[in-house]
N, C-alpha and C. Protein backbone atom coordinates (compact mmCIF):
# COMPACT_ATOMS: atom_id res chain seq x y z
N MET A 1 -3.76 -24.67 -6.57
CA MET A 1 -3.73 -24.82 -5.15
C MET A 1 -4.02 -26.27 -4.85
N GLY A 2 -3.15 -26.92 -4.10
CA GLY A 2 -3.23 -28.35 -3.92
C GLY A 2 -4.33 -28.82 -2.98
N SER A 3 -4.57 -28.16 -1.88
CA SER A 3 -5.46 -28.67 -0.84
C SER A 3 -6.69 -27.78 -0.68
N PRO A 4 -7.90 -28.36 -0.65
CA PRO A 4 -9.10 -27.55 -0.39
C PRO A 4 -9.05 -26.88 0.98
N ARG A 5 -8.44 -27.55 1.95
CA ARG A 5 -8.30 -26.97 3.29
C ARG A 5 -7.42 -25.71 3.24
N LEU A 6 -6.31 -25.77 2.50
CA LEU A 6 -5.42 -24.62 2.35
C LEU A 6 -6.14 -23.49 1.60
N ALA A 7 -6.90 -23.84 0.57
CA ALA A 7 -7.64 -22.83 -0.20
C ALA A 7 -8.63 -22.09 0.71
N ARG A 8 -9.33 -22.82 1.57
CA ARG A 8 -10.28 -22.19 2.49
C ARG A 8 -9.55 -21.27 3.46
N TYR A 9 -8.39 -21.68 3.95
CA TYR A 9 -7.60 -20.86 4.87
C TYR A 9 -7.29 -19.51 4.25
N PHE A 10 -6.82 -19.51 3.00
CA PHE A 10 -6.45 -18.25 2.36
C PHE A 10 -7.66 -17.41 1.99
N ARG A 11 -8.80 -18.01 1.71
CA ARG A 11 -10.01 -17.24 1.42
C ARG A 11 -10.50 -16.51 2.66
N ASN A 12 -10.19 -17.01 3.84
CA ASN A 12 -10.68 -16.43 5.08
C ASN A 12 -9.67 -15.51 5.76
N MET A 13 -8.61 -15.11 5.07
CA MET A 13 -7.59 -14.24 5.63
C MET A 13 -8.16 -12.83 5.83
N PRO A 14 -7.91 -12.18 6.99
CA PRO A 14 -8.37 -10.80 7.19
C PRO A 14 -7.85 -9.90 6.06
N THR A 15 -8.77 -9.25 5.35
CA THR A 15 -8.45 -8.45 4.18
C THR A 15 -9.11 -7.08 4.32
N PHE A 16 -8.36 -6.02 3.96
CA PHE A 16 -8.84 -4.65 4.16
C PHE A 16 -8.58 -3.81 2.92
N ARG A 17 -9.41 -2.78 2.73
CA ARG A 17 -9.23 -1.87 1.59
C ARG A 17 -9.49 -0.43 2.01
N VAL A 18 -8.63 0.46 1.48
CA VAL A 18 -8.80 1.90 1.65
C VAL A 18 -9.03 2.49 0.28
N SER A 19 -10.08 3.30 0.14
CA SER A 19 -10.36 4.00 -1.12
C SER A 19 -9.77 5.41 -1.05
N ILE A 20 -9.27 5.84 -2.19
CA ILE A 20 -8.65 7.17 -2.31
C ILE A 20 -9.49 7.95 -3.32
N SER A 21 -10.03 9.08 -2.89
CA SER A 21 -10.90 9.85 -3.77
C SER A 21 -10.41 11.29 -3.86
N ASP A 22 -10.03 11.70 -5.07
CA ASP A 22 -9.57 13.08 -5.32
C ASP A 22 -8.50 13.53 -4.33
N LEU A 23 -7.52 12.65 -4.11
CA LEU A 23 -6.40 12.97 -3.23
C LEU A 23 -5.41 13.86 -3.97
N THR A 24 -5.09 15.00 -3.39
CA THR A 24 -4.03 15.84 -3.93
C THR A 24 -2.73 15.35 -3.31
N THR A 25 -1.86 14.78 -4.14
CA THR A 25 -0.62 14.22 -3.62
C THR A 25 0.34 15.33 -3.24
N THR A 26 1.23 15.01 -2.34
CA THR A 26 2.38 15.88 -2.07
C THR A 26 3.51 15.40 -2.96
N THR A 27 4.53 16.20 -3.15
CA THR A 27 5.73 15.66 -3.81
C THR A 27 6.50 14.90 -2.74
N GLY A 28 6.98 13.75 -3.08
CA GLY A 28 7.57 12.84 -2.11
C GLY A 28 6.54 11.79 -1.74
N VAL A 29 6.62 11.29 -0.50
CA VAL A 29 5.69 10.26 -0.04
C VAL A 29 4.31 10.88 0.13
N PHE A 30 3.30 10.29 -0.54
CA PHE A 30 1.95 10.82 -0.39
C PHE A 30 1.01 9.84 0.29
N MET A 31 1.37 8.56 0.33
CA MET A 31 0.60 7.61 1.12
C MET A 31 1.52 6.49 1.59
N GLU A 32 1.15 5.91 2.75
CA GLU A 32 2.01 4.91 3.38
C GLU A 32 1.16 3.93 4.17
N LEU A 33 1.48 2.64 4.02
CA LEU A 33 0.86 1.57 4.80
C LEU A 33 1.90 1.08 5.79
N VAL A 34 1.63 1.26 7.07
CA VAL A 34 2.58 0.90 8.13
C VAL A 34 2.18 -0.44 8.72
N GLY A 35 3.14 -1.34 8.82
CA GLY A 35 2.90 -2.69 9.31
C GLY A 35 2.57 -2.75 10.78
N VAL A 36 2.43 -3.96 11.27
CA VAL A 36 2.09 -4.21 12.67
C VAL A 36 2.96 -5.34 13.17
N ASP A 37 3.28 -5.31 14.46
CA ASP A 37 4.11 -6.36 15.04
C ASP A 37 3.34 -7.69 15.06
N ASN A 38 4.07 -8.78 14.86
CA ASN A 38 3.54 -10.14 14.95
C ASN A 38 2.53 -10.51 13.87
N LYS A 39 2.57 -9.83 12.73
CA LYS A 39 1.72 -10.15 11.58
C LYS A 39 2.52 -9.94 10.31
N ASP A 40 2.15 -10.68 9.27
CA ASP A 40 2.63 -10.39 7.91
C ASP A 40 1.56 -9.54 7.25
N VAL A 41 1.89 -8.29 6.96
CA VAL A 41 0.98 -7.43 6.21
C VAL A 41 1.41 -7.55 4.75
N LYS A 42 0.49 -8.10 3.92
CA LYS A 42 0.81 -8.36 2.52
C LYS A 42 -0.03 -7.48 1.61
N LEU A 43 0.65 -6.77 0.75
CA LEU A 43 -0.02 -5.95 -0.25
C LEU A 43 -0.68 -6.87 -1.27
N ARG A 44 -1.97 -6.66 -1.54
CA ARG A 44 -2.70 -7.54 -2.45
C ARG A 44 -3.05 -6.86 -3.76
N HIS A 45 -3.51 -5.59 -3.70
CA HIS A 45 -3.99 -4.95 -4.91
C HIS A 45 -3.90 -3.43 -4.76
N VAL A 46 -3.45 -2.76 -5.81
CA VAL A 46 -3.39 -1.29 -5.82
C VAL A 46 -3.94 -0.81 -7.16
N GLN A 47 -4.82 0.16 -7.07
CA GLN A 47 -5.31 0.81 -8.28
C GLN A 47 -5.15 2.31 -8.11
N ILE A 48 -4.48 2.94 -9.07
CA ILE A 48 -4.36 4.40 -9.13
C ILE A 48 -4.95 4.79 -10.48
N THR A 49 -5.90 5.74 -10.49
CA THR A 49 -6.59 6.06 -11.73
C THR A 49 -6.50 7.53 -12.09
N LYS A 50 -6.33 7.76 -13.37
CA LYS A 50 -6.45 9.06 -14.02
C LYS A 50 -5.84 10.23 -13.24
N PRO A 51 -4.52 10.24 -13.06
CA PRO A 51 -3.93 11.38 -12.38
C PRO A 51 -4.15 12.66 -13.18
N SER A 52 -4.18 13.79 -12.49
CA SER A 52 -4.43 15.06 -13.18
C SER A 52 -3.21 15.53 -13.98
N VAL A 53 -2.02 15.08 -13.58
CA VAL A 53 -0.79 15.32 -14.35
C VAL A 53 -0.01 14.01 -14.40
N SER A 54 0.89 13.88 -15.33
CA SER A 54 1.66 12.63 -15.46
C SER A 54 2.50 12.39 -14.22
N LEU A 55 2.50 11.16 -13.78
CA LEU A 55 3.31 10.72 -12.64
C LEU A 55 4.43 9.86 -13.20
N ALA A 56 5.61 10.44 -13.27
CA ALA A 56 6.74 9.72 -13.86
C ALA A 56 7.99 10.01 -13.02
N PRO A 57 8.36 9.14 -12.13
CA PRO A 57 7.75 7.85 -11.84
C PRO A 57 6.82 7.93 -10.62
N LEU A 58 5.93 6.96 -10.55
CA LEU A 58 5.16 6.65 -9.36
C LEU A 58 5.89 5.47 -8.74
N LYS A 59 6.43 5.65 -7.52
CA LYS A 59 7.25 4.60 -6.90
C LYS A 59 6.54 3.95 -5.72
N LEU A 60 6.73 2.64 -5.61
CA LEU A 60 6.35 1.88 -4.43
C LEU A 60 7.65 1.37 -3.82
N GLU A 61 7.86 1.71 -2.53
CA GLU A 61 9.09 1.30 -1.85
C GLU A 61 8.75 0.73 -0.48
N LYS A 62 9.59 -0.20 -0.02
CA LYS A 62 9.48 -0.72 1.35
C LYS A 62 10.47 0.05 2.19
N LEU A 63 10.01 0.59 3.32
CA LEU A 63 10.84 1.42 4.18
C LEU A 63 11.01 0.78 5.56
N SER A 64 12.16 1.03 6.16
CA SER A 64 12.40 0.71 7.56
C SER A 64 13.59 1.53 8.03
N PRO A 65 13.44 2.44 8.95
CA PRO A 65 12.21 2.75 9.65
C PRO A 65 11.21 3.48 8.75
N VAL A 66 9.98 3.63 9.27
CA VAL A 66 8.91 4.28 8.51
C VAL A 66 9.16 5.79 8.46
N SER A 67 8.39 6.48 7.64
CA SER A 67 8.51 7.94 7.51
C SER A 67 8.11 8.62 8.82
N THR A 68 8.67 9.80 9.05
CA THR A 68 8.36 10.56 10.26
C THR A 68 7.99 11.99 9.89
N THR A 69 7.46 12.69 10.84
CA THR A 69 6.99 14.07 10.71
C THR A 69 5.97 14.17 9.57
N GLY A 70 5.91 15.31 8.91
CA GLY A 70 4.89 15.49 7.89
C GLY A 70 3.52 15.65 8.54
N THR A 71 2.51 15.88 7.73
CA THR A 71 1.14 15.97 8.22
C THR A 71 0.34 14.90 7.50
N SER A 72 -0.29 14.02 8.29
CA SER A 72 -1.02 12.91 7.68
C SER A 72 -2.37 12.71 8.35
N THR A 73 -3.21 12.01 7.63
CA THR A 73 -4.49 11.55 8.16
C THR A 73 -4.49 10.04 8.08
N SER A 74 -4.80 9.38 9.18
CA SER A 74 -4.93 7.92 9.16
C SER A 74 -6.35 7.59 8.69
N ILE A 75 -6.42 6.71 7.70
CA ILE A 75 -7.70 6.35 7.10
C ILE A 75 -8.13 4.98 7.62
N LEU A 76 -9.36 4.88 8.08
CA LEU A 76 -9.90 3.62 8.56
C LEU A 76 -10.32 2.78 7.36
N PRO A 77 -9.75 1.59 7.19
CA PRO A 77 -10.09 0.77 6.02
C PRO A 77 -11.41 0.04 6.17
N ALA A 78 -11.97 -0.33 5.04
CA ALA A 78 -13.16 -1.19 5.01
C ALA A 78 -12.70 -2.63 5.13
N PRO A 79 -13.27 -3.39 6.07
CA PRO A 79 -12.89 -4.81 6.17
C PRO A 79 -13.67 -5.65 5.16
N PHE A 80 -12.96 -6.50 4.41
CA PHE A 80 -13.61 -7.50 3.56
C PHE A 80 -13.80 -8.77 4.38
N ARG A 81 -12.75 -9.14 5.09
CA ARG A 81 -12.76 -10.27 6.02
C ARG A 81 -12.03 -9.79 7.26
N GLY A 82 -12.54 -10.11 8.41
CA GLY A 82 -11.96 -9.60 9.64
C GLY A 82 -12.78 -8.40 10.10
N THR A 83 -12.43 -7.86 11.24
CA THR A 83 -13.22 -6.76 11.79
C THR A 83 -12.47 -5.45 11.84
N THR A 84 -11.27 -5.46 12.38
CA THR A 84 -10.51 -4.22 12.53
C THR A 84 -9.09 -4.42 12.04
N ALA A 85 -8.66 -3.53 11.17
CA ALA A 85 -7.27 -3.59 10.69
C ALA A 85 -6.32 -3.16 11.80
N LEU A 86 -5.19 -3.81 11.89
CA LEU A 86 -4.15 -3.44 12.84
C LEU A 86 -3.11 -2.54 12.18
N ALA A 87 -2.88 -2.72 10.88
CA ALA A 87 -1.95 -1.86 10.14
C ALA A 87 -2.57 -0.47 10.02
N THR A 88 -1.71 0.54 9.81
CA THR A 88 -2.16 1.92 9.70
C THR A 88 -1.93 2.43 8.29
N PHE A 89 -2.95 3.05 7.70
CA PHE A 89 -2.83 3.64 6.37
C PHE A 89 -2.89 5.14 6.50
N LYS A 90 -1.85 5.83 5.97
CA LYS A 90 -1.75 7.29 6.10
C LYS A 90 -1.77 7.97 4.74
N LEU A 91 -2.52 9.06 4.64
CA LEU A 91 -2.47 9.96 3.49
C LEU A 91 -1.80 11.24 3.97
N TYR A 92 -0.76 11.68 3.24
CA TYR A 92 -0.01 12.87 3.65
C TYR A 92 -0.47 14.10 2.89
N THR A 93 -0.67 15.20 3.63
CA THR A 93 -0.96 16.50 3.01
C THR A 93 0.30 17.36 3.01
N VAL A 94 1.22 17.08 3.93
CA VAL A 94 2.56 17.69 3.93
C VAL A 94 3.53 16.53 3.97
N PHE A 95 4.43 16.46 2.97
CA PHE A 95 5.27 15.26 2.86
C PHE A 95 6.15 15.08 4.09
N PRO A 96 6.36 13.82 4.46
CA PRO A 96 7.15 13.48 5.64
C PRO A 96 8.63 13.39 5.31
N THR A 97 9.41 13.18 6.35
CA THR A 97 10.80 12.77 6.18
C THR A 97 10.74 11.27 5.90
N LYS A 98 11.11 10.92 4.69
CA LYS A 98 10.97 9.53 4.24
C LYS A 98 11.90 8.61 5.02
N GLY A 99 11.38 7.43 5.37
CA GLY A 99 12.19 6.42 6.02
C GLY A 99 13.25 5.89 5.06
N THR A 100 14.00 4.91 5.50
CA THR A 100 15.07 4.34 4.70
C THR A 100 14.53 3.24 3.79
N VAL A 101 14.83 3.33 2.51
CA VAL A 101 14.39 2.33 1.55
C VAL A 101 15.17 1.04 1.79
N ILE A 102 14.44 -0.08 1.90
CA ILE A 102 15.08 -1.39 2.04
C ILE A 102 15.31 -1.91 0.62
N GLY A 103 16.56 -1.99 0.22
CA GLY A 103 16.87 -2.45 -1.13
C GLY A 103 16.47 -1.43 -2.18
N ARG A 104 15.96 -1.91 -3.29
CA ARG A 104 15.54 -1.04 -4.39
C ARG A 104 14.03 -0.84 -4.33
N ALA A 105 13.54 0.08 -5.17
CA ALA A 105 12.09 0.28 -5.27
C ALA A 105 11.43 -1.03 -5.67
N LEU A 106 10.28 -1.33 -5.09
CA LEU A 106 9.53 -2.53 -5.43
C LEU A 106 8.84 -2.38 -6.78
N GLN A 107 8.51 -1.12 -7.11
CA GLN A 107 7.84 -0.86 -8.38
C GLN A 107 8.05 0.60 -8.76
N GLU A 108 8.26 0.84 -10.04
CA GLU A 108 8.30 2.19 -10.60
C GLU A 108 7.45 2.15 -11.86
N ALA A 109 6.46 3.05 -11.91
CA ALA A 109 5.57 3.09 -13.06
C ALA A 109 5.43 4.53 -13.53
N ASP A 110 5.38 4.71 -14.84
CA ASP A 110 5.09 6.02 -15.42
C ASP A 110 3.61 6.01 -15.78
N LEU A 111 2.86 6.90 -15.18
CA LEU A 111 1.42 6.94 -15.35
C LEU A 111 1.04 8.29 -15.93
N SER A 112 0.59 8.30 -17.18
CA SER A 112 0.21 9.54 -17.85
C SER A 112 -1.20 9.96 -17.45
N THR A 113 -1.50 11.23 -17.69
CA THR A 113 -2.83 11.76 -17.40
C THR A 113 -3.89 10.88 -18.06
N GLY A 114 -4.89 10.50 -17.30
CA GLY A 114 -5.97 9.69 -17.84
C GLY A 114 -5.72 8.20 -17.84
N GLU A 115 -4.50 7.75 -17.52
CA GLU A 115 -4.21 6.31 -17.49
C GLU A 115 -4.57 5.70 -16.14
N TRP A 116 -4.57 4.36 -16.12
CA TRP A 116 -4.85 3.59 -14.91
C TRP A 116 -3.68 2.68 -14.60
N MET A 117 -3.40 2.49 -13.32
CA MET A 117 -2.50 1.43 -12.88
C MET A 117 -3.35 0.50 -12.02
N ASN A 118 -3.45 -0.75 -12.43
CA ASN A 118 -4.26 -1.73 -11.72
C ASN A 118 -3.37 -2.94 -11.47
N GLU A 119 -2.72 -2.97 -10.32
CA GLU A 119 -1.69 -3.97 -10.03
C GLU A 119 -2.16 -4.94 -8.96
N HIS A 120 -2.12 -6.23 -9.31
CA HIS A 120 -2.45 -7.30 -8.36
C HIS A 120 -1.14 -7.93 -7.90
N TYR A 121 -0.94 -8.01 -6.59
CA TYR A 121 0.28 -8.60 -6.04
C TYR A 121 -0.07 -9.94 -5.41
N GLY A 122 0.52 -11.00 -5.92
CA GLY A 122 0.33 -12.32 -5.32
C GLY A 122 -0.77 -13.12 -5.98
N ASP A 123 -0.87 -14.35 -5.55
CA ASP A 123 -1.83 -15.30 -6.10
C ASP A 123 -2.80 -15.74 -5.01
N GLU A 124 -3.82 -16.50 -5.41
CA GLU A 124 -4.80 -16.98 -4.45
C GLU A 124 -4.20 -17.89 -3.40
N ASP A 125 -3.07 -18.51 -3.70
CA ASP A 125 -2.47 -19.42 -2.72
C ASP A 125 -1.68 -18.69 -1.64
N GLY A 126 -1.74 -17.36 -1.64
CA GLY A 126 -1.07 -16.60 -0.59
C GLY A 126 0.34 -16.19 -0.93
N SER A 127 0.86 -16.60 -2.10
CA SER A 127 2.20 -16.15 -2.46
C SER A 127 2.14 -14.65 -2.77
N ASN A 128 3.23 -13.98 -2.57
CA ASN A 128 3.24 -12.53 -2.71
C ASN A 128 4.57 -12.12 -3.34
N PRO A 129 4.55 -11.44 -4.48
CA PRO A 129 5.80 -11.09 -5.13
C PRO A 129 6.53 -9.91 -4.49
N VAL A 130 5.90 -9.22 -3.54
CA VAL A 130 6.62 -8.18 -2.79
C VAL A 130 6.77 -8.66 -1.35
N PRO A 131 7.89 -8.34 -0.72
CA PRO A 131 8.11 -8.84 0.64
C PRO A 131 7.09 -8.24 1.62
N PRO A 132 6.55 -9.05 2.55
CA PRO A 132 5.56 -8.55 3.49
C PRO A 132 6.19 -7.62 4.53
N LEU A 133 5.34 -6.80 5.12
CA LEU A 133 5.74 -6.00 6.29
C LEU A 133 5.62 -6.90 7.50
N GLN A 134 6.65 -6.91 8.37
CA GLN A 134 6.63 -7.84 9.49
C GLN A 134 6.74 -7.15 10.85
N SER A 135 6.67 -5.83 10.86
CA SER A 135 6.69 -5.12 12.14
C SER A 135 6.18 -3.69 11.94
N SER A 136 5.97 -3.01 13.03
CA SER A 136 5.50 -1.62 12.98
C SER A 136 6.61 -0.64 12.57
N THR A 137 7.81 -1.16 12.36
CA THR A 137 8.92 -0.30 11.89
C THR A 137 9.09 -0.38 10.38
N GLU A 138 8.20 -1.14 9.69
CA GLU A 138 8.27 -1.29 8.23
C GLU A 138 7.02 -0.72 7.59
N SER A 139 7.17 -0.22 6.36
CA SER A 139 6.01 0.31 5.64
C SER A 139 6.20 0.16 4.14
N TYR A 140 5.05 0.22 3.44
CA TYR A 140 5.05 0.43 2.00
C TYR A 140 4.75 1.91 1.81
N ALA A 141 5.54 2.59 1.00
CA ALA A 141 5.33 4.02 0.76
C ALA A 141 5.24 4.27 -0.74
N TRP A 142 4.29 5.10 -1.13
CA TRP A 142 4.13 5.52 -2.52
C TRP A 142 4.57 6.96 -2.61
N SER A 143 5.41 7.25 -3.62
CA SER A 143 5.91 8.62 -3.77
C SER A 143 5.90 9.04 -5.23
N VAL A 144 5.83 10.35 -5.41
CA VAL A 144 5.85 10.97 -6.73
C VAL A 144 6.76 12.20 -6.69
N THR A 145 7.11 12.71 -7.86
CA THR A 145 7.98 13.89 -7.92
C THR A 145 7.21 15.16 -8.27
N VAL A 146 5.89 15.03 -8.47
CA VAL A 146 5.07 16.18 -8.82
C VAL A 146 3.71 16.02 -8.14
N ALA A 147 3.12 17.13 -7.72
CA ALA A 147 1.79 17.07 -7.10
C ALA A 147 0.75 16.77 -8.16
N SER A 148 -0.22 15.95 -7.81
CA SER A 148 -1.26 15.53 -8.74
C SER A 148 -2.52 15.19 -7.96
N LEU A 149 -3.62 15.09 -8.66
CA LEU A 149 -4.87 14.62 -8.08
C LEU A 149 -5.05 13.17 -8.52
N VAL A 150 -5.26 12.23 -7.55
CA VAL A 150 -5.39 10.81 -7.89
C VAL A 150 -6.60 10.19 -7.20
N ASN A 151 -7.05 9.08 -7.74
CA ASN A 151 -8.11 8.26 -7.18
C ASN A 151 -7.64 6.81 -7.20
N GLY A 152 -8.32 5.95 -6.47
CA GLY A 152 -7.98 4.54 -6.50
C GLY A 152 -8.23 3.85 -5.18
N TYR A 153 -7.50 2.76 -4.95
CA TYR A 153 -7.61 2.04 -3.69
C TYR A 153 -6.37 1.19 -3.45
N VAL A 154 -6.20 0.80 -2.19
CA VAL A 154 -5.11 -0.09 -1.76
C VAL A 154 -5.76 -1.19 -0.92
N GLU A 155 -5.37 -2.44 -1.20
CA GLU A 155 -5.93 -3.59 -0.48
C GLU A 155 -4.79 -4.43 0.08
N TRP A 156 -4.96 -4.94 1.30
CA TRP A 156 -3.92 -5.77 1.92
C TRP A 156 -4.56 -6.82 2.83
N THR A 157 -3.72 -7.81 3.22
CA THR A 157 -4.12 -8.81 4.19
C THR A 157 -3.22 -8.69 5.42
N GLU A 158 -3.71 -9.17 6.54
CA GLU A 158 -2.93 -9.24 7.79
C GLU A 158 -2.97 -10.68 8.24
N GLU A 159 -1.81 -11.35 8.15
CA GLU A 159 -1.74 -12.80 8.35
C GLU A 159 -0.80 -13.15 9.50
N PRO A 160 -1.10 -14.22 10.21
CA PRO A 160 -0.15 -14.68 11.24
C PRO A 160 1.11 -15.21 10.58
N TYR A 161 2.24 -15.11 11.27
CA TYR A 161 3.45 -15.75 10.75
C TYR A 161 4.10 -16.60 11.79
C-alpha cells in the first residue's frame, strides 16, 4: 500500500459480520446478502465449517434482481467499524425463487463433511476479486443442492463510490 493516508482510509471502512450457528440449509439459496443503493458492498471474508453432509457444490453467485418469495429471517450483523449496516443479510428456511445470475458463479467449492472453507476476498488496499454489489437490486447468494447443517460467518464492507 503506497500511502499511509490511504491505508488509514481502508482500515476505517464500515465493516460488518454475521455469524451462522447450526443453520439447516435449504436446497437452493440458503443465505443471501442484499446490497444497498449508493454504496459498494464488498464481500471480505466467508467461513463455512464442518457441514453435516457433503456440499458439492457450494456456490456463491451474484444475482440481479435478488431472490424473491421464500421464507427468510434478516440477521442483524455485528459492526466491527461503523454503527448500522445498510445491506440486508437473509437466512432462508424455505428456499426462494432465485434471482438471475449475473455471468457465471463467482465460486464453486466442494466441501466434505468435517471440512472448512475459509475464503478471504480482497486485500488490505481495498481491492476485491469479486465484483461489489452496487444497488439494492443486487445480491450475493449461497446455494447448495442438498440440505445440511452449517456454521460459519460472512463479513463485508459498505463503502462510498
